[in-house]
Structure formats: structure tokens, C-alpha cells
Amino acid sequence: MERKTLLIAVENLQGQNDFISLGKTGNVEIIAFKTRQKNDFPHLLSKCLHSLTQQTSTESIRQKIAFVKDTLNIAGDSKWQKSPEKTLLDAAMEKVREAGLFMTYPLTFRNTVYAVQTA
């Protein structure tokens, strides 16, 4: 079974969260980060992980910690990373628009991380 994830930089992401899930397009989970550079993804994830570990452990918090750890692993491990196809980048841009966000720059392989893991 494959797990596909596309991490994208959305500089004007609204709200207090450093990243949010925009849902799926096909079988690819799209996660938007409040930054313009993909190099910031691990830092933002680590910051969130630290914050979560300071909270009282509940099932919800444990699930969030697991999600953040998995995503941090994806963002930092180049062996899973692929070059996203233009159709996937176009679909991600549509998800950005559906979420009421806008971008002044296009999504490219330079500002995204596309990971395909096999389980």
C-alpha cells in the first residue's frame, strides 16, 4: 500500500496554525505550510511536535503527535521524495483556492515536497 503526501508552501495561510491539511486530491494528502520555502517544513513540524508533547496526553493528542512525526519523517527523508507531476500541482492549487487562499507564485517541485511511501 502506498501513502502519498504533497507538502506545499502557502505563505498567506490564515490562522494560528503553521500548517493544515487541505484534504486529498485523488489518493494524495495535501498539507499546506505557512511559509514560502520548503526548507521551513521540518522546523514548523518540530515546533508543533514540541508544543504537542507539552500538552496532556489524550487520544487526540497522541494521534496528532503520530501524524506530525510521520510528516516530519517524510519532510526530512529524501529517499521517499519524488518530483510531482504538473497535474498534481494543478490539483493542489485548486485545493488552495477551495480553501479560500491565494498564492502569488506557482507551485513547483522547488517549493513542494512530494513523498510516496510504501507500507
Protein backbone atom coordinates (compact mmCIF):
# COMPACT_ATOMS: atom_id res chain seq x y z
CA MET A 1 0.00 0.00 0.00
CA GLU A 2 1.28 3.45 -0.90
CA ARG A 3 0.96 6.62 1.14
CA LYS A 4 1.29 9.74 -0.98
CA THR A 5 1.74 13.18 0.55
CA LEU A 6 2.32 16.59 -1.02
CA LEU A 7 3.67 19.31 1.27
CA ILE A 8 3.20 22.80 -0.15
CA ALA A 9 4.26 26.30 0.87
CA VAL A 10 1.34 28.75 1.22
CA GLU A 11 2.81 31.96 2.56
CA ASN A 12 -0.53 33.59 3.42
CA LEU A 13 -2.01 30.63 5.32
CA GLN A 14 -4.63 32.03 7.67
CA GLY A 15 -4.99 31.26 11.37
CA GLN A 16 -2.59 30.41 14.14
CA ASN A 17 -1.56 27.01 12.80
CA ASP A 18 1.76 26.67 10.99
CA PHE A 19 0.26 24.01 8.71
CA ILE A 20 -3.10 22.50 7.84
CA SER A 21 -4.41 19.62 5.77
CA LEU A 22 -6.22 20.74 2.64
CA GLY A 23 -7.61 17.25 2.17
CA LYS A 24 -6.93 14.80 -0.62
CA THR A 25 -6.81 15.01 -4.35
CA GLY A 26 -7.08 11.51 -5.72
CA ASN A 27 -5.05 9.49 -3.24
CA VAL A 28 -2.60 12.27 -2.32
CA GLU A 29 -2.89 14.08 1.03
CA ILE A 30 -2.10 17.80 0.61
CA ILE A 31 -0.65 19.69 3.57
CA ALA A 32 -0.14 23.46 3.38
CA PHE A 33 2.54 25.21 5.44
CA LYS A 34 2.64 28.87 6.44
CA THR A 35 5.89 29.65 4.65
CA ARG A 36 7.27 30.34 1.22
CA GLN A 37 10.15 27.85 1.36
CA LYS A 38 10.00 24.08 1.68
CA ASN A 39 13.17 24.16 3.80
CA ASP A 40 10.98 25.54 6.62
CA PHE A 41 8.71 22.46 6.75
CA PRO A 42 10.84 20.43 9.25
CA HIS A 43 11.24 23.42 11.57
CA LEU A 44 7.49 24.13 11.61
CA LEU A 45 6.74 20.45 12.24
CA SER A 46 9.31 20.26 15.06
CA LYS A 47 7.84 23.36 16.66
CA CYS A 48 4.38 21.78 16.56
CA LEU A 49 5.68 18.48 17.92
CA HIS A 50 7.30 20.25 20.86
CA SER A 51 4.05 22.07 21.61
CA LEU A 52 2.01 18.86 21.43
CA THR A 53 4.34 16.96 23.77
CA GLN A 54 3.80 19.67 26.40
CA GLN A 55 0.04 19.03 26.43
CA THR A 56 -1.85 16.48 28.49
CA SER A 57 -1.80 13.15 26.69
CA THR A 58 -5.18 12.25 25.24
CA GLU A 59 -6.07 10.02 22.30
CA SER A 60 -6.45 13.10 20.11
CA ILE A 61 -3.04 14.47 21.14
CA ARG A 62 -1.40 11.06 20.57
CA GLN A 63 -2.92 10.92 17.07
CA LYS A 64 -1.69 14.44 16.30
CA ILE A 65 1.80 13.57 17.57
CA ALA A 66 1.88 10.45 15.38
CA PHE A 67 0.73 12.48 12.36
CA VAL A 68 3.36 15.18 12.95
CA LYS A 69 6.13 12.59 13.44
CA ASP A 70 5.14 10.78 10.24
CA THR A 71 5.03 14.04 8.29
CA LEU A 72 8.35 15.17 9.78
CA ASN A 73 9.87 11.88 8.65
CA ILE A 74 8.54 12.45 5.13
CA ALA A 75 9.82 16.03 5.01
CA GLY A 76 13.31 15.04 6.13
CA ASP A 77 13.90 11.79 4.26
CA SER A 78 14.78 12.28 0.60
CA LYS A 79 14.54 8.55 -0.22
CA TRP A 80 10.73 8.85 -0.36
CA GLN A 81 10.67 12.12 -2.30
CA LYS A 82 9.64 12.29 -5.94
CA SER A 83 9.13 15.08 -8.43
CA PRO A 84 5.42 15.97 -8.52
CA GLU A 85 3.63 15.90 -11.85
CA LYS A 86 2.11 19.12 -13.18
CA THR A 87 -1.39 17.67 -12.88
CA LEU A 88 -0.83 17.07 -9.16
CA LEU A 89 0.48 20.61 -8.68
CA ASP A 90 -2.55 21.98 -10.55
CA ALA A 91 -4.88 19.93 -8.33
CA ALA A 92 -3.09 21.25 -5.23
CA MET A 93 -3.55 24.82 -6.46
CA GLU A 94 -7.26 24.08 -6.83
CA LYS A 95 -7.34 22.87 -3.20
CA VAL A 96 -5.65 26.14 -2.18
CA ARG A 97 -8.36 28.12 -3.98
CA GLU A 98 -11.14 25.98 -2.48
CA ALA A 99 -9.74 26.78 0.98
CA GLY A 100 -10.09 30.49 0.20
CA LEU A 101 -6.35 31.09 -0.02
CA PHE A 102 -4.37 32.68 -2.80
CA MET A 103 -0.76 32.49 -3.89
CA THR A 104 1.33 34.98 -5.81
CA TYR A 105 3.69 32.26 -7.05
CA PRO A 106 3.15 28.91 -8.75
CA LEU A 107 3.63 25.53 -7.10
CA THR A 108 6.70 23.78 -8.49
CA PHE A 109 8.98 20.96 -7.43
CA ARG A 110 11.21 23.67 -5.90
CA ASN A 111 8.67 24.74 -3.26
CA THR A 112 6.97 21.39 -2.58
CA VAL A 113 7.85 18.01 -1.13
CA TYR A 114 6.11 15.06 -2.76
CA ALA A 115 6.61 11.77 -0.95
CA VAL A 116 5.48 8.31 -1.93
CA GLN A 117 5.96 5.70 0.79
CA THR A 118 5.21 2.02 0.54
CA ALA A 119 3.97 0.20 3.62
